[in-house]
Amino acid sequence: MAGSLFSAVLKLIWPFPVQEEGEEGGAADANLAFTPRVHVISDFGDAHHLAANEATPQTIRDALQSVDWVHGFHQVVVVVEPGVSMEVGGSLDPQHGLSAMYENHAEGVQAVIIDPPSSVDEMQDILLSFIEGGDTWKNEYAFQFHGGAADVGSSTRW
């Protein structure tokens, strides 16, 4: 988008830095939760890579396969609409393990998977069920929800 009129206008109205597909930057360079795309965060959150502008089965597979899950610590974040995301990540190193987290900023809801994934294939399945829409991912995987209507009257917050 660099140099285009659209890019200039977007920079004026969009409060977060805009990254092109394949562009890299620090994790602080983008507000991931509000940028509907596929993001890869590496080095314990120090590096951000915009893997794709659209969440498709192929872009999710490519993002998951783009990093070394044995010797690194990474997250792949799929944002389907501003503020609604599913993140899988961690490491296959037993010291760290893997996890999955759902977040809906508008509703103030966060959820963490109860039984963590044990493989890259399982993380892929979680993300693919998430982009199908609806409750598919909720029906296939158990998550502990916090916030929103699920936490009315509760002080438990992340």
C-alpha atoms as a PDB file:
ATOM      1  CA  MET A   1       0.000   0.000   0.000  1.00  0.00           C
ATOM      2  CA  ALA A   2       2.980   2.300   0.341  1.00  0.00           C
ATOM      3  CA  GLY A   3       2.660   5.366  -1.833  1.00  0.00           C
ATOM      4  CA  SER A   4      -0.992   4.893  -2.771  1.00  0.00           C
ATOM      5  CA  LEU A   5      -3.779   7.373  -2.075  1.00  0.00           C
ATOM      6  CA  PHE A   6      -5.677   4.605  -0.270  1.00  0.00           C
ATOM      7  CA  SER A   7      -2.688   4.009   1.993  1.00  0.00           C
ATOM      8  CA  ALA A   8      -2.432   7.705   2.841  1.00  0.00           C
ATOM      9  CA  VAL A   9      -6.137   7.941   3.695  1.00  0.00           C
ATOM     10  CA  LEU A  10      -6.038   4.719   5.692  1.00  0.00           C
ATOM     11  CA  LYS A  11      -3.129   6.019   7.762  1.00  0.00           C
ATOM     12  CA  LEU A  12      -5.188   9.106   8.621  1.00  0.00           C
ATOM     13  CA  ILE A  13      -8.281   7.222   9.794  1.00  0.00           C
ATOM     14  CA  TRP A  14      -6.865   3.893  11.041  1.00  0.00           C
ATOM     15  CA  PRO A  15      -5.129   4.341  14.409  1.00  0.00           C
ATOM     16  CA  PHE A  16      -2.842   1.325  13.994  1.00  0.00           C
ATOM     17  CA  PRO A  17       0.109   0.757  11.660  1.00  0.00           C
ATOM     18  CA  VAL A  18      -0.794  -0.980   8.411  1.00  0.00           C
ATOM     19  CA  GLN A  19       1.331  -3.894   7.248  1.00  0.00           C
ATOM     20  CA  GLU A  20       1.426  -5.509   3.852  1.00  0.00           C
ATOM     21  CA  GLU A  21       1.193  -9.293   3.540  1.00  0.00           C
ATOM     22  CA  GLY A  22       4.633 -10.760   4.185  1.00  0.00           C
ATOM     23  CA  GLU A  23       5.837  -7.614   5.970  1.00  0.00           C
ATOM     24  CA  GLU A  24       7.572  -8.030   9.297  1.00  0.00           C
ATOM     25  CA  GLY A  25       7.846  -5.838  12.341  1.00  0.00           C
ATOM     26  CA  GLY A  26       7.932  -5.900  16.104  1.00  0.00           C
ATOM     27  CA  ALA A  27       4.884  -7.164  17.954  1.00  0.00           C
ATOM     28  CA  ALA A  28       4.167  -3.588  19.018  1.00  0.00           C
ATOM     29  CA  ASP A  29       3.966  -2.532  15.350  1.00  0.00           C
ATOM     30  CA  ALA A  30       0.400  -3.750  14.907  1.00  0.00           C
ATOM     31  CA  ASN A  31      -2.718  -4.053  16.986  1.00  0.00           C
ATOM     32  CA  LEU A  32      -3.365  -7.657  16.037  1.00  0.00           C
ATOM     33  CA  ALA A  33      -6.791  -7.963  17.585  1.00  0.00           C
ATOM     34  CA  PHE A  34      -8.225  -5.370  15.231  1.00  0.00           C
ATOM     35  CA  THR A  35      -6.554  -6.366  11.967  1.00  0.00           C
ATOM     36  CA  PRO A  36      -8.515  -9.186  10.282  1.00  0.00           C
ATOM     37  CA  ARG A  37      -5.757 -11.340   8.855  1.00  0.00           C
ATOM     38  CA  VAL A  38      -3.419 -14.201   9.728  1.00  0.00           C
ATOM     39  CA  HIS A  39      -0.528 -13.122  11.947  1.00  0.00           C
ATOM     40  CA  VAL A  40       2.559 -15.015  13.138  1.00  0.00           C
ATOM     41  CA  ILE A  41       4.243 -13.828  16.332  1.00  0.00           C
ATOM     42  CA  SER A  42       7.642 -15.316  17.129  1.00  0.00           C
ATOM     43  CA  ASP A  43      10.486 -15.057  19.613  1.00  0.00           C
ATOM     44  CA  PHE A  44       8.205 -14.926  22.660  1.00  0.00           C
ATOM     45  CA  GLY A  45       6.304 -11.970  21.194  1.00  0.00           C
ATOM     46  CA  ASP A  46       9.247  -9.911  19.967  1.00  0.00           C
ATOM     47  CA  ALA A  47       8.643 -10.400  16.230  1.00  0.00           C
ATOM     48  CA  HIS A  48       5.446 -10.057  14.189  1.00  0.00           C
ATOM     49  CA  HIS A  49       4.923 -11.266  10.629  1.00  0.00           C
ATOM     50  CA  LEU A  50       1.762 -10.648   8.651  1.00  0.00           C
ATOM     51  CA  ALA A  51       1.320 -14.070   7.059  1.00  0.00           C
ATOM     52  CA  ALA A  52      -1.793 -13.374   4.977  1.00  0.00           C
ATOM     53  CA  ASN A  53      -4.473 -10.782   4.370  1.00  0.00           C
ATOM     54  CA  GLU A  54      -7.201 -13.429   4.458  1.00  0.00           C
ATOM     55  CA  ALA A  55      -7.810 -16.451   6.676  1.00  0.00           C
ATOM     56  CA  THR A  56      -8.248 -19.471   4.413  1.00  0.00           C
ATOM     57  CA  PRO A  57      -7.384 -23.117   5.056  1.00  0.00           C
ATOM     58  CA  GLN A  58      -4.260 -22.720   2.909  1.00  0.00           C
ATOM     59  CA  THR A  59      -3.030 -19.486   4.536  1.00  0.00           C
ATOM     60  CA  ILE A  60      -3.513 -21.052   7.972  1.00  0.00           C
ATOM     61  CA  ARG A  61      -1.561 -24.176   6.957  1.00  0.00           C
ATOM     62  CA  ASP A  62       1.192 -22.017   5.469  1.00  0.00           C
ATOM     63  CA  ALA A  63       1.434 -19.848   8.599  1.00  0.00           C
ATOM     64  CA  LEU A  64       1.645 -22.860  10.905  1.00  0.00           C
ATOM     65  CA  GLN A  65       4.295 -24.505   8.731  1.00  0.00           C
ATOM     66  CA  SER A  66       6.367 -21.318   8.447  1.00  0.00           C
ATOM     67  CA  VAL A  67       7.894 -21.608  11.921  1.00  0.00           C
ATOM     68  CA  ASP A  68       9.959 -24.098  13.919  1.00  0.00           C
ATOM     69  CA  TRP A  69       7.619 -25.340  16.649  1.00  0.00           C
ATOM     70  CA  VAL A  70      10.308 -27.530  18.248  1.00  0.00           C
ATOM     71  CA  HIS A  71      13.021 -24.917  18.828  1.00  0.00           C
ATOM     72  CA  GLY A  72      10.957 -21.738  18.975  1.00  0.00           C
ATOM     73  CA  PHE A  73       7.965 -20.216  20.733  1.00  0.00           C
ATOM     74  CA  HIS A  74       5.333 -18.819  18.373  1.00  0.00           C
ATOM     75  CA  GLN A  75       1.696 -17.808  18.087  1.00  0.00           C
ATOM     76  CA  VAL A  76      -0.494 -17.879  15.006  1.00  0.00           C
ATOM     77  CA  VAL A  77      -3.383 -15.455  15.392  1.00  0.00           C
ATOM     78  CA  VAL A  78      -6.397 -15.586  13.087  1.00  0.00           C
ATOM     79  CA  VAL A  79      -8.582 -12.490  13.262  1.00  0.00           C
ATOM     80  CA  VAL A  80     -11.880 -13.019  11.426  1.00  0.00           C
ATOM     81  CA  GLU A  81     -13.315  -9.583  12.153  1.00  0.00           C
ATOM     82  CA  PRO A  82     -12.043  -6.653  14.202  1.00  0.00           C
ATOM     83  CA  GLY A  83     -11.706  -7.804  17.793  1.00  0.00           C
ATOM     84  CA  VAL A  84     -12.627 -11.471  17.190  1.00  0.00           C
ATOM     85  CA  SER A  85      -9.693 -13.868  17.100  1.00  0.00           C
ATOM     86  CA  MET A  86      -8.369 -17.335  17.798  1.00  0.00           C
ATOM     87  CA  GLU A  87      -4.735 -17.759  18.731  1.00  0.00           C
ATOM     88  CA  VAL A  88      -2.821 -21.010  18.879  1.00  0.00           C
ATOM     89  CA  GLY A  89       0.733 -21.168  19.995  1.00  0.00           C
ATOM     90  CA  GLY A  90       3.532 -22.137  22.264  1.00  0.00           C
ATOM     91  CA  SER A  91       6.190 -24.704  21.541  1.00  0.00           C
ATOM     92  CA  LEU A  92       6.527 -28.439  21.081  1.00  0.00           C
ATOM     93  CA  ASP A  93       9.333 -28.166  23.640  1.00  0.00           C
ATOM     94  CA  PRO A  94       7.824 -29.865  26.731  1.00  0.00           C
ATOM     95  CA  GLN A  95       9.020 -26.969  28.909  1.00  0.00           C
ATOM     96  CA  HIS A  96       6.480 -24.716  27.187  1.00  0.00           C
ATOM     97  CA  GLY A  97       3.680 -26.734  25.582  1.00  0.00           C
ATOM     98  CA  LEU A  98       0.877 -25.527  23.320  1.00  0.00           C
ATOM     99  CA  SER A  99      -2.368 -23.671  23.891  1.00  0.00           C
ATOM    100  CA  ALA A 100      -5.316 -22.017  22.169  1.00  0.00           C
ATOM    101  CA  MET A 101      -7.193 -18.855  23.122  1.00  0.00           C
ATOM    102  CA  TYR A 102     -10.336 -17.188  21.777  1.00  0.00           C
ATOM    103  CA  GLU A 103     -11.058 -13.502  22.249  1.00  0.00           C
ATOM    104  CA  ASN A 104     -14.001 -11.231  21.431  1.00  0.00           C
ATOM    105  CA  HIS A 105     -13.117  -7.677  22.469  1.00  0.00           C
ATOM    106  CA  ALA A 106     -16.556  -6.174  21.772  1.00  0.00           C
ATOM    107  CA  GLU A 107     -18.250  -8.644  24.122  1.00  0.00           C
ATOM    108  CA  GLY A 108     -15.388  -8.686  26.629  1.00  0.00           C
ATOM    109  CA  VAL A 109     -15.054 -12.467  26.283  1.00  0.00           C
ATOM    110  CA  GLN A 110     -11.886 -14.536  26.478  1.00  0.00           C
ATOM    111  CA  ALA A 111     -11.568 -18.308  26.513  1.00  0.00           C
ATOM    112  CA  VAL A 112      -8.660 -20.709  26.947  1.00  0.00           C
ATOM    113  CA  ILE A 113      -8.743 -24.284  25.729  1.00  0.00           C
ATOM    114  CA  ILE A 114      -9.098 -26.782  28.574  1.00  0.00           C
ATOM    115  CA  ASP A 115      -7.154 -29.666  27.013  1.00  0.00           C
ATOM    116  CA  PRO A 116      -4.242 -28.064  25.160  1.00  0.00           C
ATOM    117  CA  PRO A 117      -3.348 -29.209  21.666  1.00  0.00           C
ATOM    118  CA  SER A 118      -0.462 -31.658  21.449  1.00  0.00           C
ATOM    119  CA  SER A 119       0.555 -31.149  17.817  1.00  0.00           C
ATOM    120  CA  VAL A 120       0.708 -28.638  14.996  1.00  0.00           C
ATOM    121  CA  ASP A 121      -2.012 -30.645  13.224  1.00  0.00           C
ATOM    122  CA  GLU A 122      -4.333 -30.188  16.196  1.00  0.00           C
ATOM    123  CA  MET A 123      -3.633 -26.434  16.281  1.00  0.00           C
ATOM    124  CA  GLN A 124      -4.446 -26.366  12.570  1.00  0.00           C
ATOM    125  CA  ASP A 125      -7.741 -28.177  13.194  1.00  0.00           C
ATOM    126  CA  ILE A 126      -8.674 -25.627  15.878  1.00  0.00           C
ATOM    127  CA  LEU A 127      -8.040 -22.690  13.535  1.00  0.00           C
ATOM    128  CA  LEU A 128      -9.827 -24.347  10.613  1.00  0.00           C
ATOM    129  CA  SER A 129     -12.911 -25.028  12.742  1.00  0.00           C
ATOM    130  CA  PHE A 130     -12.803 -21.401  13.936  1.00  0.00           C
ATOM    131  CA  ILE A 131     -12.871 -19.916  10.421  1.00  0.00           C
ATOM    132  CA  GLU A 132     -15.850 -22.122   9.500  1.00  0.00           C
ATOM    133  CA  GLY A 133     -17.923 -19.745  11.592  1.00  0.00           C
ATOM    134  CA  GLY A 134     -20.724 -20.554  13.958  1.00  0.00           C
ATOM    135  CA  ASP A 135     -20.126 -22.762  16.967  1.00  0.00           C
ATOM    136  CA  THR A 136     -18.140 -25.503  15.220  1.00  0.00           C
ATOM    137  CA  TRP A 137     -14.996 -24.799  17.220  1.00  0.00           C
ATOM    138  CA  LYS A 138     -16.965 -24.647  20.496  1.00  0.00           C
ATOM    139  CA  ASN A 139     -18.597 -27.990  19.742  1.00  0.00           C
ATOM    140  CA  GLU A 140     -15.287 -29.689  18.918  1.00  0.00           C
ATOM    141  CA  TYR A 141     -13.081 -28.266  21.690  1.00  0.00           C
ATOM    142  CA  ALA A 142     -13.742 -27.426  25.339  1.00  0.00           C
ATOM    143  CA  PHE A 143     -12.808 -23.880  26.378  1.00  0.00           C
ATOM    144  CA  GLN A 144     -13.009 -22.097  29.731  1.00  0.00           C
ATOM    145  CA  PHE A 145     -14.805 -18.784  29.107  1.00  0.00           C
ATOM    146  CA  HIS A 146     -14.313 -15.559  31.065  1.00  0.00           C
ATOM    147  CA  GLY A 147     -15.938 -12.162  30.719  1.00  0.00           C
ATOM    148  CA  GLY A 148     -19.074 -11.046  28.944  1.00  0.00           C
ATOM    149  CA  ALA A 149     -22.360 -12.709  29.867  1.00  0.00           C
ATOM    150  CA  ALA A 150     -20.437 -15.810  31.015  1.00  0.00           C
ATOM    151  CA  ASP A 151     -18.968 -13.860  33.937  1.00  0.00           C
ATOM    152  CA  VAL A 152     -21.916 -11.771  35.129  1.00  0.00           C
ATOM    153  CA  GLY A 153     -21.397 -11.199  38.825  1.00  0.00           C
ATOM    154  CA  SER A 154     -17.937 -12.759  38.783  1.00  0.00           C
ATOM    155  CA  SER A 155     -14.723 -10.937  39.546  1.00  0.00           C
ATOM    156  CA  THR A 156     -12.621 -13.416  37.558  1.00  0.00           C
ATOM    157  CA  ARG A 157     -10.927 -11.515  34.751  1.00  0.00           C
ATOM    158  CA  TRP A 158      -7.680 -11.937  32.846  1.00  0.00           C
END
